[in-house]
Amino acid sequence: MTIEEQLKEVIRDIVDFPQPGIVFKDITPILKDPELCTAVVEAFAERLQGQDIDVIAGIESRGFLFGLMLANRLSLPFVPIRKQGKLPFKTIAESYKLEYGQATIEVHEDAFAPGARVLLHDDLLATGGTVVAASKLVEKLGGIVAGYSFVISLDFLNSRGRLTRFSENIVSLVGY
């Protein structure tokens, strides 16, 4: 069974969460299965093999789950990109629109050196607003977006086009 098939068996839909009309893709059932978690990380590592990546940045909060594991698997540093006001050191910020509101994310201003090639990781690519904002943060710090990795992509929203101006290297394990 492929990793996509395995994941589709356990990812559950939560209708009208966090608001009416949204179908939330819940990855928490994946986390109950250590072997599946390992398979997820290995699938990312296989797809990213040979790529020039210096740092993995995970987007709060579900991007931390596999982002940190992947960084450890690839022996790379991990950088958290967090919601405004959550990081303790000096930060830079970027505001953006969500599918259902507005938010601001931040990263430490010393998260990585200028010129670093940063892979941005999150659990889900929906409209792309959050990851575009994260891409802008990488560029503000002088980094280069080396690519993206997502557990899930909602392909029917056609968001990949918003990312290709930063990088055409887009990996997702499950598409809907």
N, C-alpha and C. Protein backbone atom coordinates (compact mmCIF):
# COMPACT_ATOMS: atom_id res chain seq x y z
N MET A 1 0.84 -1.18 0.00
CA MET A 1 0.00 0.00 0.00
C MET A 1 0.89 1.25 0.00
N THR A 2 0.57 2.23 -0.83
CA THR A 2 1.38 3.45 -0.91
C THR A 2 1.17 4.30 0.34
N ILE A 3 2.10 5.25 0.55
CA ILE A 3 1.95 6.16 1.69
C ILE A 3 0.67 6.98 1.54
N GLU A 4 0.33 7.37 0.32
CA GLU A 4 -0.92 8.13 0.11
C GLU A 4 -2.13 7.30 0.53
N GLU A 5 -2.16 6.05 0.15
CA GLU A 5 -3.28 5.17 0.53
C GLU A 5 -3.34 4.98 2.04
N GLN A 6 -2.18 4.78 2.66
CA GLN A 6 -2.14 4.62 4.12
C GLN A 6 -2.68 5.86 4.82
N LEU A 7 -2.26 7.02 4.35
CA LEU A 7 -2.69 8.27 4.97
C LEU A 7 -4.18 8.52 4.75
N LYS A 8 -4.66 8.26 3.55
CA LYS A 8 -6.08 8.47 3.28
C LYS A 8 -6.97 7.58 4.13
N GLU A 9 -6.45 6.44 4.55
CA GLU A 9 -7.22 5.55 5.42
C GLU A 9 -7.43 6.14 6.81
N VAL A 10 -6.50 6.99 7.28
CA VAL A 10 -6.59 7.48 8.66
C VAL A 10 -6.93 8.97 8.79
N ILE A 11 -6.66 9.77 7.77
CA ILE A 11 -7.02 11.19 7.85
C ILE A 11 -8.54 11.28 7.85
N ARG A 12 -9.06 12.05 8.81
CA ARG A 12 -10.52 12.15 8.88
C ARG A 12 -10.98 13.56 8.57
N ASP A 13 -12.17 13.62 8.01
CA ASP A 13 -12.81 14.90 7.70
C ASP A 13 -13.66 15.34 8.89
N ILE A 14 -13.48 16.60 9.27
CA ILE A 14 -14.31 17.20 10.31
C ILE A 14 -15.09 18.32 9.62
N VAL A 15 -16.39 18.10 9.45
CA VAL A 15 -17.24 19.03 8.72
C VAL A 15 -17.57 20.25 9.59
N ASP A 16 -17.54 21.42 8.98
CA ASP A 16 -17.88 22.70 9.62
C ASP A 16 -16.94 23.06 10.76
N PHE A 17 -15.65 22.72 10.60
CA PHE A 17 -14.63 23.13 11.57
C PHE A 17 -13.51 23.82 10.82
N PRO A 18 -13.07 24.96 11.25
CA PRO A 18 -13.43 25.72 12.46
C PRO A 18 -14.65 26.61 12.30
N GLN A 19 -15.25 26.59 11.11
CA GLN A 19 -16.47 27.37 10.90
C GLN A 19 -17.31 26.68 9.84
N PRO A 20 -18.59 27.01 9.74
CA PRO A 20 -19.46 26.38 8.75
C PRO A 20 -18.89 26.51 7.33
N GLY A 21 -19.00 25.41 6.58
CA GLY A 21 -18.55 25.39 5.20
C GLY A 21 -17.13 24.88 5.01
N ILE A 22 -16.36 24.76 6.08
CA ILE A 22 -15.00 24.24 6.00
C ILE A 22 -15.02 22.75 6.33
N VAL A 23 -14.30 21.95 5.54
CA VAL A 23 -14.09 20.54 5.86
C VAL A 23 -12.63 20.40 6.26
N PHE A 24 -12.40 20.27 7.56
CA PHE A 24 -11.06 20.21 8.14
C PHE A 24 -10.48 18.81 7.96
N LYS A 25 -9.25 18.74 7.47
CA LYS A 25 -8.55 17.46 7.33
C LYS A 25 -7.74 17.23 8.61
N ASP A 26 -8.16 16.28 9.41
CA ASP A 26 -7.58 16.02 10.73
C ASP A 26 -6.48 14.97 10.62
N ILE A 27 -5.23 15.39 10.91
CA ILE A 27 -4.09 14.47 10.84
C ILE A 27 -3.80 13.80 12.17
N THR A 28 -4.52 14.15 13.23
CA THR A 28 -4.17 13.57 14.53
C THR A 28 -4.23 12.05 14.58
N PRO A 29 -5.09 11.37 13.80
CA PRO A 29 -5.03 9.90 13.80
C PRO A 29 -3.68 9.35 13.33
N ILE A 30 -2.98 10.08 12.48
CA ILE A 30 -1.65 9.65 12.04
C ILE A 30 -0.72 9.55 13.24
N LEU A 31 -0.84 10.51 14.15
CA LEU A 31 0.08 10.62 15.28
C LEU A 31 -0.06 9.46 16.27
N LYS A 32 -1.16 8.73 16.21
CA LYS A 32 -1.36 7.58 17.09
C LYS A 32 -0.61 6.34 16.62
N ASP A 33 -0.03 6.43 15.42
CA ASP A 33 0.63 5.27 14.81
C ASP A 33 2.11 5.58 14.57
N PRO A 34 3.00 5.18 15.50
CA PRO A 34 4.42 5.50 15.33
C PRO A 34 5.02 4.98 14.03
N GLU A 35 4.58 3.81 13.58
CA GLU A 35 5.12 3.27 12.32
C GLU A 35 4.69 4.12 11.14
N LEU A 36 3.46 4.62 11.15
CA LEU A 36 3.00 5.49 10.06
C LEU A 36 3.73 6.83 10.11
N CYS A 37 3.97 7.35 11.31
CA CYS A 37 4.75 8.60 11.44
C CYS A 37 6.14 8.43 10.83
N THR A 38 6.76 7.31 11.12
CA THR A 38 8.08 7.03 10.55
C THR A 38 7.99 6.93 9.03
N ALA A 39 6.94 6.29 8.53
CA ALA A 39 6.76 6.16 7.08
C ALA A 39 6.56 7.52 6.43
N VAL A 40 5.87 8.43 7.10
CA VAL A 40 5.68 9.79 6.59
C VAL A 40 7.03 10.49 6.45
N VAL A 41 7.83 10.44 7.50
CA VAL A 41 9.14 11.08 7.47
C VAL A 41 10.02 10.46 6.40
N GLU A 42 10.01 9.14 6.28
CA GLU A 42 10.82 8.48 5.26
C GLU A 42 10.34 8.84 3.85
N ALA A 43 9.04 8.98 3.66
CA ALA A 43 8.51 9.36 2.34
C ALA A 43 8.99 10.77 1.98
N PHE A 44 8.97 11.69 2.94
CA PHE A 44 9.50 13.03 2.67
C PHE A 44 10.99 12.96 2.36
N ALA A 45 11.75 12.23 3.17
CA ALA A 45 13.20 12.14 2.98
C ALA A 45 13.52 11.58 1.59
N GLU A 46 12.77 10.58 1.17
CA GLU A 46 12.99 9.98 -0.16
C GLU A 46 12.71 11.00 -1.27
N ARG A 47 11.62 11.74 -1.15
CA ARG A 47 11.25 12.71 -2.18
C ARG A 47 12.18 13.92 -2.21
N LEU A 48 12.84 14.20 -1.10
CA LEU A 48 13.73 15.37 -1.01
C LEU A 48 15.20 14.99 -1.20
N GLN A 49 15.48 13.72 -1.39
CA GLN A 49 16.84 13.23 -1.53
C GLN A 49 17.59 13.99 -2.62
N GLY A 50 18.79 14.41 -2.29
CA GLY A 50 19.65 15.07 -3.26
C GLY A 50 19.36 16.55 -3.46
N GLN A 51 18.39 17.07 -2.76
CA GLN A 51 18.08 18.49 -2.91
C GLN A 51 18.94 19.32 -1.97
N ASP A 52 19.24 20.52 -2.39
CA ASP A 52 20.10 21.43 -1.64
C ASP A 52 19.28 22.21 -0.62
N ILE A 53 19.25 21.70 0.61
CA ILE A 53 18.47 22.30 1.70
C ILE A 53 19.40 22.50 2.89
N ASP A 54 19.37 23.69 3.48
CA ASP A 54 20.19 24.00 4.65
C ASP A 54 19.41 23.97 5.95
N VAL A 55 18.12 24.30 5.89
CA VAL A 55 17.29 24.48 7.07
C VAL A 55 15.87 24.03 6.74
N ILE A 56 15.18 23.46 7.72
CA ILE A 56 13.75 23.19 7.58
C ILE A 56 13.02 24.11 8.54
N ALA A 57 12.04 24.84 8.03
CA ALA A 57 11.22 25.71 8.85
C ALA A 57 9.81 25.16 8.87
N GLY A 58 9.30 24.91 10.07
CA GLY A 58 7.94 24.41 10.24
C GLY A 58 7.00 25.53 10.64
N ILE A 59 5.81 25.50 10.07
CA ILE A 59 4.82 26.54 10.32
C ILE A 59 3.86 26.08 11.41
N GLU A 60 3.67 26.95 12.39
CA GLU A 60 2.84 26.64 13.56
C GLU A 60 1.46 26.19 13.15
N SER A 61 0.95 25.27 13.87
CA SER A 61 1.63 24.43 14.84
C SER A 61 1.82 23.02 14.30
N ARG A 62 0.94 22.61 13.42
CA ARG A 62 1.05 21.24 12.91
C ARG A 62 2.25 21.06 12.01
N GLY A 63 2.83 22.13 11.50
CA GLY A 63 4.06 22.02 10.72
C GLY A 63 5.26 21.66 11.56
N PHE A 64 5.11 21.79 12.89
CA PHE A 64 6.21 21.40 13.78
C PHE A 64 6.31 19.89 13.89
N LEU A 65 5.19 19.19 13.78
CA LEU A 65 5.15 17.75 14.07
C LEU A 65 6.10 16.96 13.17
N PHE A 66 5.87 17.01 11.86
CA PHE A 66 6.72 16.27 10.95
C PHE A 66 7.92 17.09 10.51
N GLY A 67 7.82 18.42 10.58
CA GLY A 67 8.96 19.27 10.21
C GLY A 67 10.17 19.01 11.07
N LEU A 68 9.98 18.92 12.37
CA LEU A 68 11.10 18.64 13.28
C LEU A 68 11.63 17.23 13.07
N MET A 69 10.73 16.27 12.90
CA MET A 69 11.18 14.89 12.67
C MET A 69 11.98 14.79 11.37
N LEU A 70 11.52 15.50 10.33
CA LEU A 70 12.21 15.48 9.05
C LEU A 70 13.58 16.15 9.17
N ALA A 71 13.63 17.28 9.87
CA ALA A 71 14.91 17.96 10.07
C ALA A 71 15.89 17.04 10.78
N ASN A 72 15.43 16.35 11.81
CA ASN A 72 16.31 15.40 12.51
C ASN A 72 16.73 14.27 11.58
N ARG A 73 15.81 13.76 10.80
CA ARG A 73 16.13 12.66 9.88
C ARG A 73 17.18 13.07 8.86
N LEU A 74 17.12 14.34 8.40
CA LEU A 74 18.06 14.83 7.40
C LEU A 74 19.27 15.53 8.02
N SER A 75 19.36 15.51 9.36
CA SER A 75 20.45 16.17 10.09
C SER A 75 20.57 17.66 9.74
N LEU A 76 19.41 18.32 9.74
CA LEU A 76 19.35 19.74 9.43
C LEU A 76 18.77 20.51 10.61
N PRO A 77 19.11 21.79 10.73
CA PRO A 77 18.49 22.60 11.77
C PRO A 77 16.99 22.78 11.50
N PHE A 78 16.24 22.99 12.58
CA PHE A 78 14.80 23.25 12.48
C PHE A 78 14.51 24.64 13.02
N VAL A 79 13.68 25.38 12.30
CA VAL A 79 13.29 26.73 12.69
C VAL A 79 11.77 26.77 12.81
N PRO A 80 11.24 27.22 13.95
CA PRO A 80 9.79 27.38 14.05
C PRO A 80 9.34 28.74 13.53
N ILE A 81 8.28 28.73 12.74
CA ILE A 81 7.59 29.96 12.34
C ILE A 81 6.29 29.94 13.12
N ARG A 82 6.12 30.98 13.97
CA ARG A 82 5.03 30.94 14.94
C ARG A 82 4.05 32.09 14.76
N LYS A 83 2.92 31.94 15.42
CA LYS A 83 1.94 33.01 15.47
C LYS A 83 2.53 34.19 16.23
N GLN A 84 2.06 35.37 15.91
CA GLN A 84 2.58 36.60 16.49
C GLN A 84 2.53 36.54 18.03
N GLY A 85 3.65 36.98 18.62
CA GLY A 85 3.73 37.07 20.07
C GLY A 85 4.16 35.80 20.78
N LYS A 86 4.50 34.76 20.07
CA LYS A 86 4.85 33.47 20.68
C LYS A 86 6.36 33.21 20.76
N LEU A 87 7.16 33.94 20.01
CA LEU A 87 8.61 33.73 20.04
C LEU A 87 9.25 34.71 21.01
N PRO A 88 10.25 34.25 21.79
CA PRO A 88 10.79 35.09 22.86
C PRO A 88 11.86 36.10 22.45
N PHE A 89 12.47 35.94 21.28
CA PHE A 89 13.58 36.79 20.88
C PHE A 89 13.08 37.81 19.85
N LYS A 90 13.99 38.59 19.32
CA LYS A 90 13.64 39.59 18.30
C LYS A 90 13.13 38.87 17.05
N THR A 91 12.03 39.39 16.49
CA THR A 91 11.39 38.73 15.36
C THR A 91 11.11 39.70 14.21
N ILE A 92 10.81 39.10 13.06
CA ILE A 92 10.21 39.84 11.95
C ILE A 92 8.86 39.19 11.71
N ALA A 93 7.92 39.96 11.16
CA ALA A 93 6.54 39.47 11.04
C ALA A 93 6.02 39.65 9.62
N GLU A 94 4.99 38.87 9.31
CA GLU A 94 4.29 38.98 8.03
C GLU A 94 2.81 38.65 8.29
N SER A 95 1.92 39.55 7.86
CA SER A 95 0.48 39.32 8.01
C SER A 95 -0.09 38.78 6.70
N TYR A 96 -1.19 38.04 6.81
CA TYR A 96 -1.79 37.40 5.64
C TYR A 96 -3.23 37.07 5.93
N LYS A 97 -3.97 36.74 4.88
CA LYS A 97 -5.36 36.32 5.02
C LYS A 97 -5.44 34.81 5.03
N LEU A 98 -6.25 34.28 5.93
CA LEU A 98 -6.56 32.86 5.98
C LEU A 98 -7.82 32.59 5.15
N GLU A 99 -8.16 31.31 5.01
CA GLU A 99 -9.41 30.96 4.37
C GLU A 99 -10.58 31.54 5.15
N TYR A 100 -10.38 31.73 6.47
CA TYR A 100 -11.48 32.13 7.35
C TYR A 100 -11.03 33.20 8.35
N GLY A 101 -10.21 34.16 7.89
CA GLY A 101 -9.80 35.26 8.78
C GLY A 101 -8.49 35.86 8.37
N GLN A 102 -7.79 36.45 9.34
CA GLN A 102 -6.48 37.06 9.10
C GLN A 102 -5.56 36.69 10.26
N ALA A 103 -4.25 36.64 9.99
CA ALA A 103 -3.28 36.28 11.01
C ALA A 103 -1.93 36.90 10.70
N THR A 104 -1.03 36.83 11.67
CA THR A 104 0.34 37.28 11.51
C THR A 104 1.25 36.19 12.03
N ILE A 105 2.32 35.90 11.28
CA ILE A 105 3.32 34.94 11.73
C ILE A 105 4.65 35.64 11.87
N GLU A 106 5.53 35.03 12.68
CA GLU A 106 6.84 35.61 12.96
C GLU A 106 7.90 34.53 12.95
N VAL A 107 9.14 34.99 12.77
CA VAL A 107 10.31 34.12 12.88
C VAL A 107 11.39 34.94 13.57
N HIS A 108 12.26 34.26 14.31
CA HIS A 108 13.38 34.97 14.92
C HIS A 108 14.26 35.59 13.84
N GLU A 109 14.74 36.78 14.08
CA GLU A 109 15.56 37.46 13.07
C GLU A 109 16.91 36.78 12.85
N ASP A 110 17.32 35.90 13.77
CA ASP A 110 18.57 35.16 13.60
C ASP A 110 18.32 33.67 13.31
N ALA A 111 17.17 33.36 12.73
CA ALA A 111 16.77 31.97 12.50
C ALA A 111 17.73 31.20 11.61
N PHE A 112 18.30 31.88 10.62
CA PHE A 112 19.27 31.25 9.72
C PHE A 112 20.08 32.36 9.07
N ALA A 113 21.20 31.97 8.49
CA ALA A 113 22.10 32.94 7.86
C ALA A 113 21.56 33.36 6.49
N PRO A 114 21.86 34.60 6.07
CA PRO A 114 21.49 35.01 4.71
C PRO A 114 22.06 34.02 3.69
N GLY A 115 21.26 33.73 2.68
CA GLY A 115 21.67 32.78 1.65
C GLY A 115 21.29 31.34 1.96
N ALA A 116 20.80 31.08 3.17
CA ALA A 116 20.39 29.71 3.53
C ALA A 116 19.23 29.27 2.64
N ARG A 117 19.27 28.00 2.26
CA ARG A 117 18.21 27.40 1.45
C ARG A 117 17.24 26.71 2.41
N VAL A 118 16.02 27.26 2.48
CA VAL A 118 15.04 26.87 3.49
C VAL A 118 13.90 26.07 2.86
N LEU A 119 13.65 24.89 3.41
CA LEU A 119 12.47 24.11 3.05
C LEU A 119 11.38 24.47 4.04
N LEU A 120 10.24 24.91 3.54
CA LEU A 120 9.10 25.24 4.39
C LEU A 120 8.19 24.03 4.48
N HIS A 121 7.84 23.66 5.73
CA HIS A 121 6.99 22.49 5.94
C HIS A 121 5.73 22.87 6.71
N ASP A 122 4.60 22.33 6.27
CA ASP A 122 3.35 22.44 7.00
C ASP A 122 2.55 21.18 6.76
N ASP A 123 1.51 21.00 7.57
CA ASP A 123 0.72 19.78 7.42
C ASP A 123 -0.17 19.84 6.19
N LEU A 124 -0.62 21.06 5.80
CA LEU A 124 -1.63 21.15 4.77
C LEU A 124 -1.45 22.39 3.91
N LEU A 125 -1.56 22.22 2.61
CA LEU A 125 -1.63 23.34 1.68
C LEU A 125 -3.08 23.50 1.27
N ALA A 126 -3.67 24.63 1.68
CA ALA A 126 -5.04 24.94 1.28
C ALA A 126 -4.99 26.09 0.29
N THR A 127 -5.31 27.31 0.72
CA THR A 127 -5.28 28.45 -0.19
C THR A 127 -3.87 28.99 -0.39
N GLY A 128 -2.94 28.64 0.49
CA GLY A 128 -1.55 29.05 0.35
C GLY A 128 -1.19 30.32 1.07
N GLY A 129 -2.13 30.97 1.72
CA GLY A 129 -1.84 32.24 2.39
C GLY A 129 -0.76 32.15 3.45
N THR A 130 -0.83 31.15 4.30
CA THR A 130 0.15 31.01 5.37
C THR A 130 1.54 30.74 4.82
N VAL A 131 1.64 29.84 3.86
CA VAL A 131 2.95 29.47 3.34
C VAL A 131 3.54 30.58 2.46
N VAL A 132 2.71 31.37 1.80
CA VAL A 132 3.22 32.53 1.08
C VAL A 132 3.81 33.53 2.07
N ALA A 133 3.10 33.76 3.18
CA ALA A 133 3.62 34.66 4.22
C ALA A 133 4.94 34.13 4.77
N ALA A 134 5.02 32.82 5.00
CA ALA A 134 6.27 32.22 5.49
C ALA A 134 7.38 32.39 4.46
N SER A 135 7.04 32.26 3.18
CA SER A 135 8.04 32.45 2.12
C SER A 135 8.57 33.88 2.13
N LYS A 136 7.70 34.83 2.36
CA LYS A 136 8.12 36.23 2.43
C LYS A 136 9.04 36.46 3.63
N LEU A 137 8.77 35.78 4.75
CA LEU A 137 9.66 35.88 5.92
C LEU A 137 11.05 35.35 5.57
N VAL A 138 11.11 34.22 4.88
CA VAL A 138 12.40 33.65 4.48
C VAL A 138 13.16 34.67 3.64
N GLU A 139 12.48 35.27 2.69
CA GLU A 139 13.14 36.24 1.82
C GLU A 139 13.57 37.50 2.58
N LYS A 140 12.75 37.95 3.54
CA LYS A 140 13.11 39.13 4.34
C LYS A 140 14.41 38.91 5.10
N LEU A 141 14.66 37.67 5.50
CA LEU A 141 15.89 37.34 6.22
C LEU A 141 17.05 37.02 5.28
N GLY A 142 16.83 37.16 3.98
CA GLY A 142 17.89 36.90 3.01
C GLY A 142 18.03 35.45 2.63
N GLY A 143 17.06 34.63 3.03
CA GLY A 143 17.09 33.22 2.68
C GLY A 143 16.48 32.96 1.32
N ILE A 144 16.62 31.73 0.86
CA ILE A 144 16.08 31.27 -0.41
C ILE A 144 15.11 30.14 -0.11
N VAL A 145 13.92 30.21 -0.65
CA VAL A 145 12.96 29.12 -0.47
C VAL A 145 13.40 27.97 -1.37
N ALA A 146 13.90 26.92 -0.73
CA ALA A 146 14.39 25.75 -1.48
C ALA A 146 13.24 24.84 -1.91
N GLY A 147 12.09 24.97 -1.24
CA GLY A 147 10.95 24.15 -1.58
C GLY A 147 9.96 24.08 -0.44
N TYR A 148 8.96 23.22 -0.65
CA TYR A 148 7.87 23.06 0.30
C TYR A 148 7.58 21.58 0.48
N SER A 149 7.16 21.23 1.68
CA SER A 149 6.67 19.87 1.92
C SER A 149 5.39 19.95 2.75
N PHE A 150 4.39 19.18 2.31
CA PHE A 150 3.09 19.14 2.97
C PHE A 150 2.65 17.69 3.10
N VAL A 151 2.02 17.35 4.20
CA VAL A 151 1.41 16.04 4.31
C VAL A 151 0.24 15.98 3.33
N ILE A 152 -0.58 17.04 3.31
CA ILE A 152 -1.80 17.08 2.50
C ILE A 152 -1.80 18.33 1.63
N SER A 153 -2.27 18.19 0.40
CA SER A 153 -2.56 19.37 -0.42
C SER A 153 -3.99 19.26 -0.93
N LEU A 154 -4.70 20.37 -0.80
CA LEU A 154 -6.07 20.44 -1.32
C LEU A 154 -5.96 20.96 -2.75
N ASP A 155 -5.71 20.04 -3.66
CA ASP A 155 -5.40 20.39 -5.05
C ASP A 155 -6.53 21.12 -5.76
N PHE A 156 -7.76 20.87 -5.33
CA PHE A 156 -8.91 21.53 -5.96
C PHE A 156 -8.90 23.04 -5.73
N LEU A 157 -8.09 23.54 -4.78
CA LEU A 157 -7.99 24.98 -4.53
C LEU A 157 -6.95 25.65 -5.43
N ASN A 158 -6.18 24.84 -6.17
CA ASN A 158 -5.20 25.36 -7.14
C ASN A 158 -4.22 26.37 -6.53
N SER A 159 -3.68 26.05 -5.36
CA SER A 159 -2.79 26.99 -4.66
C SER A 159 -1.32 26.85 -5.03
N ARG A 160 -0.94 25.79 -5.68
CA ARG A 160 0.47 25.61 -6.02
C ARG A 160 1.01 26.77 -6.83
N GLY A 161 0.17 27.35 -7.67
CA GLY A 161 0.58 28.48 -8.49
C GLY A 161 1.03 29.68 -7.67
N ARG A 162 0.50 29.83 -6.47
CA ARG A 162 0.91 30.94 -5.59
C ARG A 162 2.33 30.72 -5.06
N LEU A 163 2.78 29.47 -5.05
CA LEU A 163 4.08 29.15 -4.46
C LEU A 163 5.21 29.13 -5.47
N THR A 164 4.90 28.89 -6.73
CA THR A 164 5.95 28.68 -7.72
C THR A 164 6.81 29.91 -7.95
N ARG A 165 6.35 31.09 -7.59
CA ARG A 165 7.21 32.27 -7.73
C ARG A 165 8.38 32.22 -6.75
N PHE A 166 8.22 31.44 -5.67
CA PHE A 166 9.28 31.25 -4.68
C PHE A 166 10.09 29.99 -4.98
N SER A 167 9.40 28.90 -5.30
CA SER A 167 10.05 27.62 -5.63
C SER A 167 9.05 26.71 -6.32
N GLU A 168 9.54 25.97 -7.31
CA GLU A 168 8.69 24.99 -7.98
C GLU A 168 8.80 23.61 -7.34
N ASN A 169 9.65 23.50 -6.32
CA ASN A 169 9.85 22.25 -5.61
C ASN A 169 8.77 22.11 -4.53
N ILE A 170 7.67 21.44 -4.87
CA ILE A 170 6.53 21.29 -3.97
C ILE A 170 6.22 19.81 -3.82
N VAL A 171 6.35 19.32 -2.59
CA VAL A 171 6.11 17.91 -2.30
C VAL A 171 4.90 17.80 -1.38
N SER A 172 3.95 16.95 -1.76
CA SER A 172 2.87 16.60 -0.85
C SER A 172 2.66 15.10 -0.94
N LEU A 173 2.28 14.52 0.19
CA LEU A 173 2.11 13.06 0.23
C LEU A 173 0.70 12.63 -0.14
N VAL A 174 -0.29 13.50 0.12
CA VAL A 174 -1.69 13.18 -0.16
C VAL A 174 -2.34 14.36 -0.84
N GLY A 175 -3.01 14.11 -1.95
CA GLY A 175 -3.76 15.16 -2.62
C GLY A 175 -5.24 14.88 -2.61
N TYR A 176 -6.01 15.91 -2.42
CA TYR A 176 -7.47 15.82 -2.46
C TYR A 176 -8.00 16.80 -3.49
